[in-house]
Each structure stands twice: as C-alpha cells, then as structure tokens.
Amino acid sequence: MTRRIALFTGSFDPFTYGHQNILQIASSLFDKIVIAIGVNSVKAPLLQIEQRVSIIQDICQNNINCDYEVISFEGLAIDTAKKYGANFIIRGLRDTNDFNYETQLSEMNATLAPDIQTVFFPSSQIYRHISSTLVRQIIQLGGDASLFVPPESQKIIQIAMSRN
C-alpha cells in the first residue's frame, strides 16, 4: 500500500489558527504531512525561518495526529513535493478568491506533475477571516493578535517584537 504523503506549503508568517485548522483536518487523511515553509527573498518576514519551524513543530507535537516533518524550501512547491515523495498538495480555502487562485495554481502544478494531486480543504467557518497578512499588520501596528494565533506563535512573536 502506498503511503499518502502530502505537502502543505505556506509562508506561515505567522502560523495562525487557520493553518492549524487545515493541518488538523488533513492529518486524519494522510500518513505523513510535510509542512514546507516557503522562503521568499522579496518579502521581509516578521519571523525568521528557524522561529517558524520551531512554532510549527511545537504545535504539531501537541495537535497533529500523523507523521509530520517541518522544512523550509525555495523554488517551486511541485519540485519540493517530488523531492519529499508527496503525492498530494494541501491547500486551504477561505473564500472564492482563494478558490480561484488555488484552482489556477493546481492546474499549473498538474501540468508540471500529473501524478501529484492538489486537495482543497475549506477552513472551518470560525477561522475563515484569518489571514497571515492581516495578522502581521496587526502585530506590526502594535495590536493584540492572540485571537488569531496559537499560544506557541504568540510567545515567539512577543520575543521577536521585543527585539525590534
């Protein structure tokens, strides 16, 4: 029997309750999830890669019921999926804008690697409004993001912001 290995990509800057929700849903369907933090040299991150890896490992250890690995990557997600033997790519959907963008992306990926399927998971309703971009803005403007990020994220964010 082939193991069901999925790649879940994102910047996870910061890792939110929305990300955690998608991981919890997906963990019941896959044998292993590779959580891949994309490195984008154009963006100025709130948290360093090592901090994001640490947050995700802590959250997964306590909340994810499948084998997982947390990595960082540069380049195409589809190449990372191949490298890690993933036969699925996980994508979370909050709204129709996400659906339209993610559908186009999945079709491009299917052209590049027809044997790797994209699986869409709609966010639970209570998390649909959460966006890492908006959470980052709240934090950068001195607001309280604790309603949007797990305690593991909040702790690292507070440390990172106190250094700035």
Protein backbone atom coordinates (compact mmCIF):
# COMPACT_ATOMS: atom_id res chain seq x y z
CA MET A 1 0.00 0.00 0.00
CA THR A 2 1.37 3.40 -0.99
CA ARG A 3 1.78 5.89 1.83
CA ARG A 4 -0.31 9.01 1.45
CA ILE A 5 2.22 11.82 1.78
CA ALA A 6 1.04 15.41 1.48
CA LEU A 7 2.91 18.69 1.17
CA PHE A 8 1.41 21.71 2.95
CA THR A 9 3.12 24.91 1.84
CA GLY A 10 2.91 28.46 3.07
CA SER A 11 4.90 31.31 4.48
CA PHE A 12 3.34 30.63 7.90
CA ASP A 13 4.45 34.12 8.93
CA PRO A 14 2.93 33.89 11.45
CA PHE A 15 1.38 30.44 11.87
CA THR A 16 -2.31 31.04 12.62
CA TYR A 17 -5.30 29.15 13.95
CA GLY A 18 -6.38 28.86 10.30
CA HIS A 19 -3.20 26.95 9.42
CA GLN A 20 -3.64 24.74 12.48
CA ASN A 21 -7.25 24.04 11.47
CA ILE A 22 -6.24 22.85 8.00
CA LEU A 23 -3.48 20.64 9.46
CA GLN A 24 -5.87 19.05 11.94
CA ILE A 25 -8.38 18.27 9.18
CA ALA A 26 -5.71 16.92 6.83
CA SER A 27 -3.95 14.81 9.46
CA SER A 28 -6.88 12.38 9.51
CA LEU A 29 -6.44 11.66 5.79
CA PHE A 30 -2.68 11.41 5.26
CA ASP A 31 0.02 9.14 6.62
CA LYS A 32 2.57 11.95 6.60
CA ILE A 33 2.41 15.71 6.09
CA VAL A 34 5.48 17.68 5.07
CA ILE A 35 4.91 21.24 6.23
CA ALA A 36 7.03 23.34 3.90
CA ILE A 37 7.83 26.95 4.73
CA GLY A 38 8.43 28.87 1.53
CA VAL A 39 11.37 31.25 1.51
CA ASN A 40 10.63 34.40 -0.47
CA SER A 41 13.64 36.71 -0.69
CA VAL A 42 11.40 39.58 -1.88
CA LYS A 43 9.30 39.69 1.31
CA ALA A 44 10.54 41.00 4.65
CA PRO A 45 9.35 38.38 7.15
CA LEU A 46 8.04 39.09 10.62
CA LEU A 47 9.61 35.87 11.94
CA GLN A 48 12.80 34.11 10.87
CA ILE A 49 12.58 30.65 9.30
CA GLU A 50 14.01 28.99 12.43
CA GLN A 51 11.31 30.63 14.57
CA ARG A 52 8.56 29.47 12.23
CA VAL A 53 9.95 25.93 12.19
CA SER A 54 10.04 25.90 16.00
CA ILE A 55 6.45 27.16 16.29
CA ILE A 56 5.11 24.60 13.83
CA GLN A 57 7.00 21.72 15.46
CA ASP A 58 5.61 22.66 18.88
CA ILE A 59 2.06 22.93 17.55
CA CYS A 60 2.25 19.67 15.60
CA GLN A 61 3.70 17.78 18.53
CA ASN A 62 0.60 18.56 20.57
CA ASN A 63 -2.14 18.78 17.95
CA ILE A 64 -1.40 16.74 14.83
CA ASN A 65 -2.15 13.01 14.79
CA CYS A 66 0.03 11.84 11.92
CA ASP A 67 3.67 11.63 10.95
CA TYR A 68 4.94 15.10 10.01
CA GLU A 69 8.10 16.92 9.04
CA VAL A 70 8.72 20.67 9.02
CA ILE A 71 11.09 22.00 6.36
CA SER A 72 11.88 25.21 4.50
CA PHE A 73 12.24 25.41 0.75
CA GLU A 74 13.00 27.76 -2.13
CA GLY A 75 11.67 27.42 -5.63
CA LEU A 76 8.61 25.59 -6.87
CA ALA A 77 6.38 23.74 -4.43
CA ILE A 78 5.86 21.00 -7.01
CA ASP A 79 9.62 20.30 -7.03
CA THR A 80 9.59 20.12 -3.24
CA ALA A 81 6.64 17.70 -3.39
CA LYS A 82 8.63 15.45 -5.72
CA LYS A 83 11.73 15.68 -3.53
CA TYR A 84 9.79 14.52 -0.45
CA GLY A 85 7.77 11.85 -2.25
CA ALA A 86 4.48 13.67 -1.75
CA ASN A 87 1.60 12.52 -3.90
CA PHE A 88 -0.71 15.29 -2.67
CA ILE A 89 -0.50 19.04 -2.09
CA ILE A 90 -2.73 20.50 0.62
CA ARG A 91 -4.29 23.91 0.08
CA GLY A 92 -6.62 25.72 2.45
CA LEU A 93 -9.50 27.80 1.16
CA ARG A 94 -11.11 30.72 2.98
CA ASP A 95 -13.24 32.21 0.22
CA THR A 96 -13.89 32.36 -3.53
CA ASN A 97 -10.77 34.47 -4.10
CA ASP A 98 -8.65 31.68 -2.62
CA PHE A 99 -10.58 29.12 -4.68
CA ASN A 100 -9.97 30.95 -7.96
CA TYR A 101 -6.25 31.45 -7.28
CA GLU A 102 -5.70 27.94 -5.91
CA THR A 103 -7.57 26.30 -8.80
CA GLN A 104 -5.31 28.03 -11.30
CA LEU A 105 -2.23 27.05 -9.29
CA SER A 106 -3.36 23.43 -9.02
CA GLU A 107 -3.88 23.24 -12.78
CA MET A 108 -0.37 24.56 -13.39
CA ASN A 109 1.01 22.02 -10.91
CA ALA A 110 -0.99 19.22 -12.55
CA THR A 111 0.61 20.11 -15.88
CA LEU A 112 4.08 20.00 -14.32
CA ALA A 113 3.45 16.81 -12.32
CA PRO A 114 0.25 14.94 -13.28
CA ASP A 115 0.82 12.29 -10.59
CA ILE A 116 0.59 14.83 -7.73
CA GLN A 117 -2.95 15.81 -6.79
CA THR A 118 -3.97 19.05 -5.09
CA VAL A 119 -6.52 18.65 -2.31
CA PHE A 120 -8.53 21.65 -1.15
CA PHE A 121 -9.73 21.98 2.43
CA PRO A 122 -12.17 24.74 3.30
CA SER A 123 -11.31 26.45 6.55
CA SER A 124 -13.76 25.96 9.38
CA GLN A 125 -16.11 28.93 9.48
CA ILE A 126 -14.67 30.36 12.70
CA TYR A 127 -11.22 30.69 11.04
CA ARG A 128 -12.15 31.91 7.53
CA HIS A 129 -11.43 35.54 8.29
CA ILE A 130 -7.85 34.89 9.47
CA SER A 131 -5.07 35.88 7.10
CA SER A 132 -1.36 35.86 7.94
CA THR A 133 -1.00 39.15 6.09
CA LEU A 134 -3.65 40.84 8.23
CA VAL A 135 -2.30 39.27 11.42
CA ARG A 136 1.19 40.54 10.54
CA GLN A 137 -0.24 44.05 10.08
CA ILE A 138 -1.98 43.90 13.47
CA ILE A 139 1.29 42.86 15.12
CA GLN A 140 3.40 45.46 13.30
CA LEU A 141 0.96 48.18 14.35
CA GLY A 142 1.17 47.12 18.00
CA GLY A 143 -2.17 45.30 18.18
CA ASP A 144 -3.06 42.11 20.00
CA ALA A 145 -3.05 39.10 17.66
CA SER A 146 -3.69 36.49 20.34
CA LEU A 147 -7.20 35.78 18.99
CA PHE A 148 -5.71 34.70 15.66
CA VAL A 149 -2.57 32.73 16.52
CA PRO A 150 -1.93 29.73 18.79
CA PRO A 151 -0.05 30.37 22.06
CA GLU A 152 3.12 28.88 20.55
CA SER A 153 3.06 31.57 17.85
CA GLN A 154 2.15 34.35 20.27
CA LYS A 155 5.12 33.53 22.53
CA ILE A 156 7.67 33.70 19.69
CA ILE A 157 6.04 36.82 18.23
CA GLN A 158 6.35 38.61 21.55
CA ILE A 159 10.03 37.67 21.78
CA ALA A 160 10.66 38.79 18.17
CA MET A 161 8.85 42.10 18.64
CA SER A 162 10.68 42.88 21.88
CA ARG A 163 13.97 42.68 19.95
CA ASN A 164 12.82 45.26 17.41
